[in-house]
């Protein structure tokens, strides 16, 4: 029996993370809004590293 996909959404303005369980692991999307590119990229990198540490990715 195949387990259904589980989609977990975390909403927190100005950051949105979509975490999805897939066969063999997880995948995610990180959306960050802001006017300072360095800050936006820094937040994306930080979120990505935390997600890799917690979920491992695919």
N, C-alpha and C. Protein backbone atom coordinates (compact mmCIF):
# COMPACT_ATOMS: atom_id res chain seq x y z
N UNK A 1 0.85 -1.19 0.00
CA UNK A 1 0.00 0.00 0.00
C UNK A 1 0.89 1.24 0.00
N UNK A 2 0.64 2.14 -0.90
CA UNK A 2 1.42 3.37 -1.00
C UNK A 2 0.90 4.40 -0.01
N UNK A 3 1.83 5.02 0.71
CA UNK A 3 1.46 6.10 1.63
C UNK A 3 1.14 7.35 0.83
N UNK A 4 0.14 8.11 1.25
CA UNK A 4 -0.18 9.35 0.52
C UNK A 4 0.91 10.39 0.74
N UNK A 5 1.06 11.28 -0.24
CA UNK A 5 1.99 12.39 -0.07
C UNK A 5 1.48 13.30 1.04
N UNK A 6 2.37 13.77 1.85
CA UNK A 6 2.03 14.71 2.91
C UNK A 6 2.64 16.05 2.57
N UNK A 7 1.82 17.07 2.55
CA UNK A 7 2.30 18.42 2.25
C UNK A 7 2.11 19.25 3.51
N UNK A 8 3.19 19.87 3.94
CA UNK A 8 3.17 20.70 5.13
C UNK A 8 3.54 22.12 4.73
N UNK A 9 2.66 23.06 5.00
CA UNK A 9 2.90 24.45 4.65
C UNK A 9 3.20 25.24 5.92
N UNK A 10 4.23 26.06 5.88
CA UNK A 10 4.53 26.97 6.96
C UNK A 10 4.42 28.38 6.39
N UNK A 11 3.51 29.17 6.93
CA UNK A 11 3.30 30.53 6.43
C UNK A 11 3.73 31.52 7.50
N UNK A 12 4.65 32.35 7.15
CA UNK A 12 5.10 33.40 8.05
C UNK A 12 5.64 34.53 7.20
N UNK A 13 4.87 35.56 7.05
CA UNK A 13 5.28 36.68 6.21
C UNK A 13 6.57 37.28 6.75
N UNK A 14 7.58 37.55 5.99
CA UNK A 14 7.69 37.49 4.54
C UNK A 14 8.35 36.20 4.02
N UNK A 15 8.27 35.11 4.78
CA UNK A 15 8.88 33.85 4.34
C UNK A 15 7.80 32.77 4.27
N UNK A 16 7.90 31.94 3.23
CA UNK A 16 6.98 30.81 3.07
C UNK A 16 7.82 29.59 2.73
N UNK A 17 7.55 28.48 3.42
CA UNK A 17 8.25 27.23 3.14
C UNK A 17 7.21 26.16 2.87
N UNK A 18 7.38 25.45 1.75
CA UNK A 18 6.51 24.33 1.40
C UNK A 18 7.37 23.08 1.49
N UNK A 19 7.00 22.17 2.38
CA UNK A 19 7.73 20.92 2.60
C UNK A 19 6.85 19.77 2.13
N UNK A 20 7.39 18.92 1.29
CA UNK A 20 6.62 17.82 0.73
C UNK A 20 7.39 16.51 0.87
N UNK A 21 6.72 15.51 1.41
CA UNK A 21 7.33 14.19 1.51
C UNK A 21 7.12 13.47 0.17
N UNK A 22 8.21 12.96 -0.37
CA UNK A 22 8.16 12.23 -1.63
C UNK A 22 8.85 10.88 -1.44
N UNK A 23 8.72 10.04 -2.42
CA UNK A 23 9.38 8.74 -2.35
C UNK A 23 10.88 8.95 -2.17
N UNK A 24 11.42 8.43 -1.09
CA UNK A 24 12.85 8.53 -0.85
C UNK A 24 13.29 9.75 -0.05
N UNK A 25 12.36 10.58 0.41
CA UNK A 25 12.78 11.72 1.21
C UNK A 25 11.80 12.88 1.17
N UNK A 26 12.34 14.06 1.17
CA UNK A 26 11.55 15.29 1.18
C UNK A 26 12.08 16.24 0.12
N UNK A 27 11.21 17.15 -0.28
CA UNK A 27 11.65 18.27 -1.10
C UNK A 27 10.94 19.50 -0.57
N UNK A 28 11.47 20.67 -0.88
CA UNK A 28 10.87 21.89 -0.38
C UNK A 28 11.09 23.05 -1.31
N UNK A 29 10.26 24.06 -1.08
CA UNK A 29 10.38 25.34 -1.76
C UNK A 29 10.47 26.40 -0.67
N UNK A 30 11.38 27.33 -0.84
CA UNK A 30 11.52 28.44 0.09
C UNK A 30 11.26 29.73 -0.68
N UNK A 31 10.29 30.52 -0.20
CA UNK A 31 9.95 31.80 -0.81
C UNK A 31 10.21 32.89 0.22
N UNK A 32 11.02 33.86 -0.13
CA UNK A 32 11.32 34.98 0.76
C UNK A 32 11.13 36.26 -0.02
N UNK A 33 10.45 37.22 0.59
CA UNK A 33 10.30 38.52 -0.06
C UNK A 33 11.03 39.57 0.75
N UNK A 34 11.49 40.58 0.06
CA UNK A 34 12.20 41.67 0.71
C UNK A 34 12.84 42.57 -0.32
N UNK A 35 13.33 43.69 0.13
CA UNK A 35 13.93 44.65 -0.79
C UNK A 35 15.45 44.59 -0.79
N UNK A 36 16.04 43.89 0.17
CA UNK A 36 17.50 43.78 0.25
C UNK A 36 17.92 42.39 -0.22
N UNK A 37 18.55 42.31 -1.38
CA UNK A 37 18.90 41.03 -1.98
C UNK A 37 19.80 40.20 -1.07
N UNK A 38 20.79 40.81 -0.44
CA UNK A 38 21.69 40.07 0.45
C UNK A 38 20.92 39.43 1.60
N UNK A 39 19.99 40.15 2.20
CA UNK A 39 19.20 39.61 3.31
C UNK A 39 18.29 38.47 2.83
N UNK A 40 17.68 38.65 1.67
CA UNK A 40 16.80 37.62 1.11
C UNK A 40 17.59 36.34 0.85
N UNK A 41 18.73 36.46 0.18
CA UNK A 41 19.55 35.28 -0.12
C UNK A 41 20.06 34.62 1.15
N UNK A 42 20.41 35.42 2.14
CA UNK A 42 20.88 34.88 3.42
C UNK A 42 19.78 34.07 4.10
N UNK A 43 18.55 34.58 4.09
CA UNK A 43 17.42 33.87 4.70
C UNK A 43 17.12 32.58 3.95
N UNK A 44 17.21 32.61 2.63
CA UNK A 44 16.98 31.40 1.84
C UNK A 44 18.04 30.35 2.17
N UNK A 45 19.30 30.75 2.22
CA UNK A 45 20.39 29.83 2.54
C UNK A 45 20.23 29.24 3.94
N UNK A 46 19.88 30.09 4.90
CA UNK A 46 19.69 29.61 6.28
C UNK A 46 18.55 28.59 6.35
N UNK A 47 17.42 28.90 5.70
CA UNK A 47 16.29 27.98 5.70
C UNK A 47 16.66 26.67 5.02
N UNK A 48 17.35 26.75 3.90
CA UNK A 48 17.75 25.55 3.17
C UNK A 48 18.65 24.65 4.02
N UNK A 49 19.62 25.24 4.69
CA UNK A 49 20.53 24.46 5.53
C UNK A 49 19.79 23.80 6.69
N UNK A 50 18.86 24.51 7.31
CA UNK A 50 18.07 23.93 8.40
C UNK A 50 17.18 22.81 7.90
N UNK A 51 16.60 22.97 6.72
CA UNK A 51 15.77 21.92 6.14
C UNK A 51 16.60 20.68 5.78
N UNK A 52 17.77 20.90 5.23
CA UNK A 52 18.66 19.76 4.92
C UNK A 52 19.01 19.02 6.21
N UNK A 53 19.35 19.77 7.26
CA UNK A 53 19.71 19.14 8.54
C UNK A 53 18.53 18.38 9.14
N UNK A 54 17.32 18.90 8.99
CA UNK A 54 16.17 18.28 9.61
C UNK A 54 15.50 17.20 8.78
N UNK A 55 15.56 17.33 7.45
CA UNK A 55 14.82 16.43 6.58
C UNK A 55 15.66 15.71 5.54
N UNK A 56 16.87 16.17 5.32
CA UNK A 56 17.78 15.48 4.42
C UNK A 56 17.60 15.70 2.94
N UNK A 57 16.47 16.17 2.54
CA UNK A 57 16.26 16.38 1.10
C UNK A 57 16.12 15.07 0.35
N UNK A 58 16.27 15.16 -0.99
CA UNK A 58 16.14 13.95 -1.82
C UNK A 58 17.49 13.54 -2.33
